[in-house]
Amino acid sequence: MEIILGSAYPPYNDVEPIPPGELDRLVMGCRAEGTHLIIGCDANSHHNSWGSTNINNRGECLFNYIMTNGLDIMNRGNRPTFVTSNRQEVIDNTIATFHAGNFIKDWHVTEEVSCSDHRYIRFTVMGIDHSVITYRKPRRTDWESYRTELSGCLNGMTDKINNLQI
């Protein structure tokens, strides 16, 4: 069994419809392949189905998309996911394909300091093989693209790097 874990961020002032095209293509691709999908989404939208205090147009659009595409909302409770000095709201959600939701356990918003105005959302995905090894194949590297990208990153840096021995 394969589960894809994704992340989506439709900016709050985005003129593109909710959900963005990339998210829709991911959902449709997983459906076509029969692959399970779990998406963490900074949706910037309000709907009481994921714990918001009200419903806005973006929230209604996203909710309709979720329902018409056989997705599940994994949020539990209404602890705010977005907190500032003068405002709190649930604008982040976790969405999963129908069967993938069965593997999500202990979904919750933490009280940990995140260095952001968003709180951490934590959950466990049961049945994942944690022995997955990430590796690179140097022979498949596009070295010309790598050099171009590296040059862009180093642009403006000094020509000489000094090492100090202590």
N, C-alpha and C. Protein backbone atom coordinates (compact mmCIF):
# COMPACT_ATOMS: atom_id res chain seq x y z
N MET A 1 0.84 -1.17 0.00
CA MET A 1 0.00 0.00 0.00
C MET A 1 0.89 1.24 0.00
N GLU A 2 0.49 2.22 -0.77
CA GLU A 2 1.24 3.46 -0.85
C GLU A 2 0.36 4.62 -0.39
N ILE A 3 0.94 5.48 0.46
CA ILE A 3 0.25 6.69 0.91
C ILE A 3 1.13 7.87 0.55
N ILE A 4 0.57 8.83 -0.15
CA ILE A 4 1.29 10.07 -0.46
C ILE A 4 0.90 11.10 0.58
N LEU A 5 1.91 11.74 1.18
CA LEU A 5 1.69 12.82 2.12
C LEU A 5 2.00 14.11 1.39
N GLY A 6 1.02 15.02 1.36
CA GLY A 6 1.19 16.27 0.63
C GLY A 6 0.94 17.47 1.50
N SER A 7 1.30 18.62 0.99
CA SER A 7 1.09 19.88 1.68
C SER A 7 0.56 20.88 0.67
N ALA A 8 -0.41 21.68 1.08
CA ALA A 8 -1.00 22.67 0.17
C ALA A 8 -1.13 24.01 0.88
N TYR A 9 -0.87 25.07 0.13
CA TYR A 9 -1.01 26.41 0.66
C TYR A 9 -1.62 27.32 -0.40
N PRO A 10 -2.95 27.46 -0.41
CA PRO A 10 -3.55 28.47 -1.28
C PRO A 10 -3.54 29.81 -0.53
N PRO A 11 -2.71 30.78 -0.97
CA PRO A 11 -2.62 32.05 -0.24
C PRO A 11 -3.99 32.70 -0.05
N TYR A 12 -4.13 33.41 1.06
CA TYR A 12 -5.43 34.00 1.41
C TYR A 12 -5.91 35.00 0.37
N ASN A 13 -5.01 35.64 -0.37
CA ASN A 13 -5.43 36.62 -1.36
C ASN A 13 -5.34 36.08 -2.78
N ASP A 14 -5.24 34.77 -2.91
CA ASP A 14 -5.11 34.13 -4.21
C ASP A 14 -6.42 34.27 -4.99
N VAL A 15 -6.29 34.62 -6.27
CA VAL A 15 -7.48 34.76 -7.11
C VAL A 15 -7.87 33.43 -7.75
N GLU A 16 -6.96 32.45 -7.71
CA GLU A 16 -7.27 31.14 -8.26
C GLU A 16 -8.35 30.48 -7.41
N PRO A 17 -9.25 29.76 -8.03
CA PRO A 17 -10.32 29.12 -7.26
C PRO A 17 -9.77 28.10 -6.26
N ILE A 18 -10.57 27.84 -5.25
CA ILE A 18 -10.22 26.85 -4.24
C ILE A 18 -10.84 25.53 -4.67
N PRO A 19 -10.12 24.44 -4.70
CA PRO A 19 -8.69 24.33 -4.42
C PRO A 19 -7.88 24.73 -5.64
N PRO A 20 -6.60 25.05 -5.43
CA PRO A 20 -5.74 25.38 -6.56
C PRO A 20 -5.62 24.20 -7.51
N GLY A 21 -5.28 24.48 -8.76
CA GLY A 21 -5.16 23.45 -9.78
C GLY A 21 -4.19 22.34 -9.42
N GLU A 22 -3.07 22.71 -8.77
CA GLU A 22 -2.08 21.69 -8.42
C GLU A 22 -2.66 20.67 -7.44
N LEU A 23 -3.44 21.16 -6.48
CA LEU A 23 -4.05 20.27 -5.50
C LEU A 23 -5.07 19.36 -6.19
N ASP A 24 -5.86 19.91 -7.07
CA ASP A 24 -6.85 19.11 -7.79
C ASP A 24 -6.15 18.05 -8.64
N ARG A 25 -5.07 18.40 -9.30
CA ARG A 25 -4.34 17.41 -10.11
C ARG A 25 -3.77 16.30 -9.24
N LEU A 26 -3.28 16.65 -8.04
CA LEU A 26 -2.77 15.63 -7.12
C LEU A 26 -3.89 14.68 -6.70
N VAL A 27 -5.02 15.23 -6.31
CA VAL A 27 -6.16 14.41 -5.89
C VAL A 27 -6.63 13.51 -7.03
N MET A 28 -6.76 14.07 -8.23
CA MET A 28 -7.23 13.28 -9.37
C MET A 28 -6.21 12.22 -9.77
N GLY A 29 -4.93 12.57 -9.70
CA GLY A 29 -3.88 11.60 -10.03
C GLY A 29 -3.87 10.42 -9.07
N CYS A 30 -4.03 10.72 -7.77
CA CYS A 30 -4.08 9.64 -6.78
C CYS A 30 -5.31 8.78 -6.97
N ARG A 31 -6.43 9.41 -7.28
CA ARG A 31 -7.65 8.64 -7.53
C ARG A 31 -7.44 7.72 -8.72
N ALA A 32 -6.86 8.22 -9.81
CA ALA A 32 -6.65 7.42 -11.02
C ALA A 32 -5.70 6.25 -10.75
N GLU A 33 -4.70 6.47 -9.90
CA GLU A 33 -3.72 5.43 -9.59
C GLU A 33 -4.17 4.52 -8.45
N GLY A 34 -5.23 4.89 -7.74
CA GLY A 34 -5.67 4.11 -6.58
C GLY A 34 -4.74 4.29 -5.40
N THR A 35 -4.07 5.44 -5.32
CA THR A 35 -3.12 5.72 -4.25
C THR A 35 -3.80 6.50 -3.14
N HIS A 36 -3.48 6.16 -1.90
CA HIS A 36 -4.00 6.89 -0.75
C HIS A 36 -3.29 8.24 -0.64
N LEU A 37 -4.00 9.24 -0.09
CA LEU A 37 -3.47 10.59 -0.03
C LEU A 37 -3.86 11.26 1.28
N ILE A 38 -2.89 11.91 1.93
CA ILE A 38 -3.14 12.73 3.11
C ILE A 38 -2.51 14.08 2.84
N ILE A 39 -3.30 15.15 2.98
CA ILE A 39 -2.82 16.50 2.68
C ILE A 39 -2.95 17.38 3.91
N GLY A 40 -1.86 18.01 4.32
CA GLY A 40 -1.89 19.05 5.33
C GLY A 40 -2.08 20.36 4.58
N CYS A 41 -3.09 21.13 4.96
CA CYS A 41 -3.46 22.29 4.16
C CYS A 41 -3.60 23.55 5.01
N ASP A 42 -2.78 24.55 4.73
CA ASP A 42 -3.00 25.89 5.27
C ASP A 42 -4.00 26.52 4.33
N ALA A 43 -5.27 26.20 4.56
CA ALA A 43 -6.33 26.52 3.60
C ALA A 43 -6.72 27.98 3.58
N ASN A 44 -6.40 28.73 4.64
CA ASN A 44 -6.83 30.12 4.72
C ASN A 44 -8.32 30.24 4.41
N SER A 45 -9.08 29.31 4.94
CA SER A 45 -10.52 29.31 4.72
C SER A 45 -11.23 28.84 5.98
N HIS A 46 -12.45 29.31 6.13
CA HIS A 46 -13.22 29.02 7.34
C HIS A 46 -14.39 28.10 6.99
N HIS A 47 -14.55 27.06 7.80
CA HIS A 47 -15.75 26.22 7.72
C HIS A 47 -15.88 25.48 9.04
N ASN A 48 -17.10 25.42 9.55
CA ASN A 48 -17.29 24.76 10.84
C ASN A 48 -17.05 23.25 10.77
N SER A 49 -16.97 22.69 9.58
CA SER A 49 -16.68 21.26 9.44
C SER A 49 -15.27 20.92 9.90
N TRP A 50 -14.36 21.87 9.86
CA TRP A 50 -13.01 21.62 10.39
C TRP A 50 -12.73 22.47 11.62
N GLY A 51 -13.77 23.02 12.24
CA GLY A 51 -13.63 23.66 13.54
C GLY A 51 -13.62 25.17 13.55
N SER A 52 -13.77 25.81 12.39
CA SER A 52 -13.79 27.27 12.35
C SER A 52 -15.03 27.80 13.06
N THR A 53 -14.98 29.07 13.43
CA THR A 53 -16.13 29.69 14.11
C THR A 53 -17.20 30.15 13.14
N ASN A 54 -16.87 30.21 11.85
CA ASN A 54 -17.84 30.64 10.84
C ASN A 54 -17.50 29.99 9.51
N ILE A 55 -18.26 30.34 8.48
CA ILE A 55 -18.02 29.82 7.13
C ILE A 55 -17.85 31.01 6.20
N ASN A 56 -16.73 31.02 5.45
CA ASN A 56 -16.58 32.05 4.42
C ASN A 56 -16.65 31.40 3.04
N ASN A 57 -16.61 32.20 1.99
CA ASN A 57 -16.76 31.69 0.64
C ASN A 57 -15.66 30.68 0.29
N ARG A 58 -14.42 30.98 0.67
CA ARG A 58 -13.32 30.04 0.41
C ARG A 58 -13.58 28.71 1.11
N GLY A 59 -14.06 28.79 2.36
CA GLY A 59 -14.35 27.58 3.11
C GLY A 59 -15.46 26.77 2.47
N GLU A 60 -16.49 27.46 2.01
CA GLU A 60 -17.61 26.76 1.36
C GLU A 60 -17.13 26.08 0.07
N CYS A 61 -16.29 26.76 -0.71
CA CYS A 61 -15.76 26.16 -1.94
C CYS A 61 -14.92 24.93 -1.64
N LEU A 62 -14.03 25.04 -0.64
CA LEU A 62 -13.17 23.90 -0.29
C LEU A 62 -14.00 22.75 0.27
N PHE A 63 -14.97 23.07 1.13
CA PHE A 63 -15.83 22.03 1.69
C PHE A 63 -16.57 21.28 0.57
N ASN A 64 -17.13 22.01 -0.39
CA ASN A 64 -17.84 21.37 -1.50
C ASN A 64 -16.90 20.48 -2.32
N TYR A 65 -15.67 20.94 -2.51
CA TYR A 65 -14.68 20.14 -3.24
C TYR A 65 -14.39 18.85 -2.48
N ILE A 66 -14.19 18.96 -1.19
CA ILE A 66 -13.90 17.80 -0.35
C ILE A 66 -15.04 16.79 -0.43
N MET A 67 -16.25 17.26 -0.32
CA MET A 67 -17.41 16.37 -0.31
C MET A 67 -17.65 15.73 -1.68
N THR A 68 -17.49 16.49 -2.75
CA THR A 68 -17.77 15.94 -4.08
C THR A 68 -16.66 15.02 -4.59
N ASN A 69 -15.51 15.04 -3.93
CA ASN A 69 -14.40 14.20 -4.37
C ASN A 69 -14.09 13.06 -3.42
N GLY A 70 -15.01 12.77 -2.52
CA GLY A 70 -14.86 11.61 -1.64
C GLY A 70 -13.70 11.71 -0.68
N LEU A 71 -13.40 12.93 -0.24
CA LEU A 71 -12.31 13.13 0.71
C LEU A 71 -12.89 13.26 2.12
N ASP A 72 -12.05 13.06 3.11
CA ASP A 72 -12.46 13.19 4.51
C ASP A 72 -11.69 14.32 5.17
N ILE A 73 -12.34 15.02 6.07
CA ILE A 73 -11.69 16.04 6.90
C ILE A 73 -11.25 15.35 8.17
N MET A 74 -9.96 15.41 8.47
CA MET A 74 -9.42 14.69 9.61
C MET A 74 -9.36 15.54 10.88
N ASN A 75 -9.59 16.85 10.78
CA ASN A 75 -9.54 17.71 11.96
C ASN A 75 -10.48 17.19 13.03
N ARG A 76 -10.02 17.28 14.27
CA ARG A 76 -10.83 16.90 15.42
C ARG A 76 -10.84 18.06 16.40
N GLY A 77 -12.02 18.44 16.85
CA GLY A 77 -12.14 19.54 17.80
C GLY A 77 -12.12 20.88 17.11
N ASN A 78 -11.97 21.93 17.92
CA ASN A 78 -11.95 23.28 17.36
C ASN A 78 -10.84 24.14 17.96
N ARG A 79 -9.76 23.50 18.41
CA ARG A 79 -8.62 24.27 18.92
C ARG A 79 -8.04 25.08 17.76
N PRO A 80 -7.81 26.37 17.94
CA PRO A 80 -7.33 27.22 16.85
C PRO A 80 -5.99 26.74 16.29
N THR A 81 -5.88 26.81 14.98
CA THR A 81 -4.63 26.47 14.30
C THR A 81 -3.85 27.74 13.95
N PHE A 82 -4.54 28.87 13.96
CA PHE A 82 -3.94 30.17 13.66
C PHE A 82 -4.19 31.07 14.86
N VAL A 83 -3.11 31.60 15.47
CA VAL A 83 -3.25 32.39 16.68
C VAL A 83 -2.34 33.62 16.59
N THR A 84 -2.95 34.81 16.72
CA THR A 84 -2.18 36.05 16.85
C THR A 84 -2.62 36.73 18.14
N SER A 85 -2.07 37.88 18.43
CA SER A 85 -2.41 38.57 19.67
C SER A 85 -3.87 39.00 19.72
N ASN A 86 -4.48 39.20 18.56
CA ASN A 86 -5.87 39.68 18.56
C ASN A 86 -6.85 38.77 17.81
N ARG A 87 -6.40 37.57 17.42
CA ARG A 87 -7.30 36.72 16.65
C ARG A 87 -6.91 35.25 16.77
N GLN A 88 -7.91 34.39 16.78
CA GLN A 88 -7.69 32.94 16.77
C GLN A 88 -8.73 32.32 15.85
N GLU A 89 -8.29 31.35 15.06
CA GLU A 89 -9.23 30.70 14.15
C GLU A 89 -8.66 29.38 13.69
N VAL A 90 -9.53 28.52 13.20
CA VAL A 90 -9.13 27.25 12.58
C VAL A 90 -9.18 27.47 11.08
N ILE A 91 -8.00 27.65 10.48
CA ILE A 91 -7.93 27.86 9.02
C ILE A 91 -7.07 26.79 8.35
N ASP A 92 -6.54 25.88 9.13
CA ASP A 92 -5.71 24.79 8.60
C ASP A 92 -6.47 23.49 8.75
N ASN A 93 -6.33 22.64 7.76
CA ASN A 93 -7.01 21.35 7.88
C ASN A 93 -6.17 20.23 7.29
N THR A 94 -6.56 19.04 7.66
CA THR A 94 -5.94 17.83 7.14
C THR A 94 -7.03 17.08 6.39
N ILE A 95 -6.73 16.78 5.14
CA ILE A 95 -7.70 16.13 4.25
C ILE A 95 -7.10 14.80 3.81
N ALA A 96 -7.94 13.79 3.71
CA ALA A 96 -7.43 12.47 3.29
C ALA A 96 -8.43 11.79 2.38
N THR A 97 -7.91 10.94 1.51
CA THR A 97 -8.80 10.10 0.74
C THR A 97 -9.47 9.14 1.71
N PHE A 98 -10.59 8.62 1.32
CA PHE A 98 -11.46 7.87 2.22
C PHE A 98 -10.73 6.82 3.04
N HIS A 99 -10.01 5.94 2.42
CA HIS A 99 -9.36 4.86 3.16
C HIS A 99 -8.11 5.33 3.90
N ALA A 100 -7.42 6.35 3.41
CA ALA A 100 -6.23 6.86 4.09
C ALA A 100 -6.59 7.40 5.47
N GLY A 101 -7.77 7.95 5.61
CA GLY A 101 -8.20 8.47 6.91
C GLY A 101 -8.22 7.41 8.00
N ASN A 102 -8.40 6.15 7.61
CA ASN A 102 -8.39 5.07 8.59
C ASN A 102 -7.03 4.86 9.23
N PHE A 103 -5.97 5.37 8.60
CA PHE A 103 -4.62 5.19 9.11
C PHE A 103 -4.16 6.35 9.99
N ILE A 104 -4.97 7.42 10.06
CA ILE A 104 -4.60 8.59 10.86
C ILE A 104 -5.12 8.41 12.28
N LYS A 105 -4.21 8.51 13.23
CA LYS A 105 -4.55 8.37 14.65
C LYS A 105 -4.02 9.58 15.41
N ASP A 106 -4.72 9.95 16.46
CA ASP A 106 -4.30 10.99 17.39
C ASP A 106 -4.08 12.35 16.73
N TRP A 107 -4.99 12.76 15.84
CA TRP A 107 -4.89 14.08 15.21
C TRP A 107 -5.15 15.14 16.28
N HIS A 108 -4.24 16.12 16.40
CA HIS A 108 -4.44 17.20 17.38
C HIS A 108 -3.59 18.43 17.04
N VAL A 109 -4.05 19.57 17.53
CA VAL A 109 -3.31 20.82 17.43
C VAL A 109 -2.52 20.95 18.73
N THR A 110 -1.22 21.20 18.62
CA THR A 110 -0.38 21.25 19.81
C THR A 110 -0.31 22.67 20.38
N GLU A 111 0.22 22.77 21.58
CA GLU A 111 0.47 24.06 22.22
C GLU A 111 1.94 24.47 22.06
N GLU A 112 2.72 23.67 21.33
CA GLU A 112 4.14 23.96 21.15
C GLU A 112 4.34 25.29 20.44
N VAL A 113 5.42 25.98 20.80
CA VAL A 113 5.78 27.21 20.11
C VAL A 113 6.32 26.84 18.74
N SER A 114 5.77 27.46 17.70
CA SER A 114 6.15 27.08 16.34
C SER A 114 6.94 28.15 15.61
N CYS A 115 7.19 29.29 16.25
CA CYS A 115 7.86 30.42 15.58
C CYS A 115 7.05 30.91 14.38
N SER A 116 5.76 30.75 14.45
CA SER A 116 4.85 31.16 13.40
C SER A 116 3.52 31.53 14.07
N ASP A 117 2.62 32.11 13.31
CA ASP A 117 1.29 32.37 13.85
C ASP A 117 0.38 31.15 13.67
N HIS A 118 0.93 30.06 13.18
CA HIS A 118 0.19 28.80 13.06
C HIS A 118 0.71 27.82 14.10
N ARG A 119 -0.20 27.03 14.62
CA ARG A 119 0.17 25.97 15.58
C ARG A 119 0.51 24.71 14.80
N TYR A 120 1.32 23.87 15.44
CA TYR A 120 1.62 22.58 14.84
C TYR A 120 0.39 21.68 14.91
N ILE A 121 0.20 20.93 13.86
CA ILE A 121 -0.81 19.88 13.83
C ILE A 121 -0.05 18.56 13.79
N ARG A 122 -0.36 17.69 14.72
CA ARG A 122 0.35 16.42 14.80
C ARG A 122 -0.65 15.27 14.69
N PHE A 123 -0.19 14.21 14.06
CA PHE A 123 -0.96 12.96 14.00
C PHE A 123 -0.01 11.84 13.65
N THR A 124 -0.46 10.65 13.86
CA THR A 124 0.33 9.47 13.53
C THR A 124 -0.34 8.78 12.36
N VAL A 125 0.47 8.37 11.40
CA VAL A 125 -0.04 7.56 10.29
C VAL A 125 0.38 6.13 10.59
N MET A 126 -0.59 5.30 10.90
CA MET A 126 -0.33 3.91 11.26
C MET A 126 0.04 3.10 10.02
N GLY A 127 0.89 2.10 10.22
CA GLY A 127 1.21 1.17 9.15
C GLY A 127 2.28 1.65 8.20
N ILE A 128 3.00 2.72 8.54
CA ILE A 128 4.07 3.19 7.66
C ILE A 128 5.35 2.44 7.99
N ASP A 129 6.03 2.00 6.96
CA ASP A 129 7.33 1.35 7.12
C ASP A 129 8.36 2.46 7.34
N HIS A 130 8.89 2.57 8.55
CA HIS A 130 9.82 3.63 8.88
C HIS A 130 11.25 3.33 8.43
N SER A 131 11.44 2.24 7.75
CA SER A 131 12.78 1.90 7.30
C SER A 131 13.07 2.43 5.90
N VAL A 132 12.24 3.33 5.40
CA VAL A 132 12.43 3.89 4.08
C VAL A 132 13.76 4.65 4.04
N ILE A 133 14.53 4.39 3.04
CA ILE A 133 15.84 5.01 2.91
C ILE A 133 15.80 5.97 1.72
N THR A 134 16.23 7.21 1.97
CA THR A 134 16.31 8.20 0.90
C THR A 134 17.73 8.17 0.34
N TYR A 135 17.83 8.19 -0.95
CA TYR A 135 19.15 8.17 -1.57
C TYR A 135 19.11 8.96 -2.87
N ARG A 136 20.30 9.29 -3.36
CA ARG A 136 20.44 9.97 -4.64
C ARG A 136 21.23 9.08 -5.58
N LYS A 137 20.98 9.27 -6.86
CA LYS A 137 21.76 8.57 -7.87
C LYS A 137 22.58 9.61 -8.61
N PRO A 138 23.87 9.76 -8.22
CA PRO A 138 24.70 10.80 -8.85
C PRO A 138 24.74 10.71 -10.37
N ARG A 139 24.65 9.53 -10.94
CA ARG A 139 24.69 9.39 -12.39
C ARG A 139 23.49 10.05 -13.07
N ARG A 140 22.39 10.19 -12.33
CA ARG A 140 21.18 10.79 -12.91
C ARG A 140 21.09 12.29 -12.65
N THR A 141 22.12 12.85 -12.03
CA THR A 141 22.11 14.27 -11.71
C THR A 141 22.31 15.10 -12.99
N ASP A 142 21.53 16.14 -13.12
CA ASP A 142 21.68 17.11 -14.21
C ASP A 142 22.73 18.12 -13.74
N TRP A 143 24.01 17.83 -14.01
CA TRP A 143 25.10 18.63 -13.45
C TRP A 143 25.10 20.05 -13.99
N GLU A 144 24.71 20.26 -15.22
CA GLU A 144 24.67 21.62 -15.76
C GLU A 144 23.63 22.46 -15.01
N SER A 145 22.47 21.89 -14.77
CA SER A 145 21.44 22.58 -14.00
C SER A 145 21.90 22.83 -12.57
N TYR A 146 22.60 21.86 -12.00
CA TYR A 146 23.13 22.00 -10.64
C TYR A 146 24.12 23.17 -10.56
N ARG A 147 25.05 23.23 -11.53
CA ARG A 147 26.04 24.32 -11.54
C ARG A 147 25.37 25.68 -11.71
N THR A 148 24.37 25.77 -12.58
CA THR A 148 23.65 27.02 -12.78
C THR A 148 22.94 27.44 -11.50
N GLU A 149 22.26 26.52 -10.87
CA GLU A 149 21.55 26.80 -9.62
C GLU A 149 22.52 27.21 -8.52
N LEU A 150 23.63 26.51 -8.42
CA LEU A 150 24.64 26.81 -7.41
C LEU A 150 25.24 28.20 -7.66
N SER A 151 25.54 28.53 -8.90
CA SER A 151 26.08 29.85 -9.22
C SER A 151 25.10 30.95 -8.81
N GLY A 152 23.82 30.73 -9.05
CA GLY A 152 22.81 31.71 -8.64
C GLY A 152 22.76 31.89 -7.13
N CYS A 153 22.91 30.81 -6.41
CA CYS A 153 22.90 30.88 -4.94
C CYS A 153 24.13 31.56 -4.40
N LEU A 154 25.26 31.40 -5.08
CA LEU A 154 26.52 31.97 -4.61
C LEU A 154 26.75 33.39 -5.11
N ASN A 155 25.90 33.86 -6.01
CA ASN A 155 26.04 35.20 -6.57
C ASN A 155 26.05 36.24 -5.45
N GLY A 156 27.06 37.10 -5.47
CA GLY A 156 27.16 38.15 -4.47
C GLY A 156 28.01 37.77 -3.27
N MET A 157 28.41 36.51 -3.19
CA MET A 157 29.26 36.11 -2.07
C MET A 157 30.71 36.48 -2.39
N THR A 158 31.52 36.58 -1.37
CA THR A 158 32.92 36.91 -1.58
C THR A 158 33.62 35.81 -2.34
N ASP A 159 34.70 36.21 -3.00
CA ASP A 159 35.45 35.25 -3.83
C ASP A 159 36.28 34.28 -3.02
N LYS A 160 36.56 34.66 -1.79
CA LYS A 160 37.47 33.85 -1.00
C LYS A 160 36.79 33.43 0.29
N ILE A 161 36.88 32.19 0.61
CA ILE A 161 36.33 31.67 1.85
C ILE A 161 37.52 31.30 2.73
N ASN A 162 37.54 31.83 3.93
CA ASN A 162 38.63 31.57 4.85
C ASN A 162 38.21 30.52 5.86
N ASN A 163 39.10 29.59 6.13
CA ASN A 163 38.89 28.61 7.18
C ASN A 163 39.79 28.95 8.36
N LEU A 164 39.23 28.93 9.52
CA LEU A 164 40.01 29.18 10.73
C LEU A 164 40.25 27.86 11.43
N GLN A 165 41.48 27.61 11.81
CA GLN A 165 41.76 26.41 12.59
C GLN A 165 41.86 26.81 14.05
N ILE A 166 41.14 26.11 14.85
CA ILE A 166 41.12 26.41 16.30
C ILE A 166 41.73 25.27 17.05
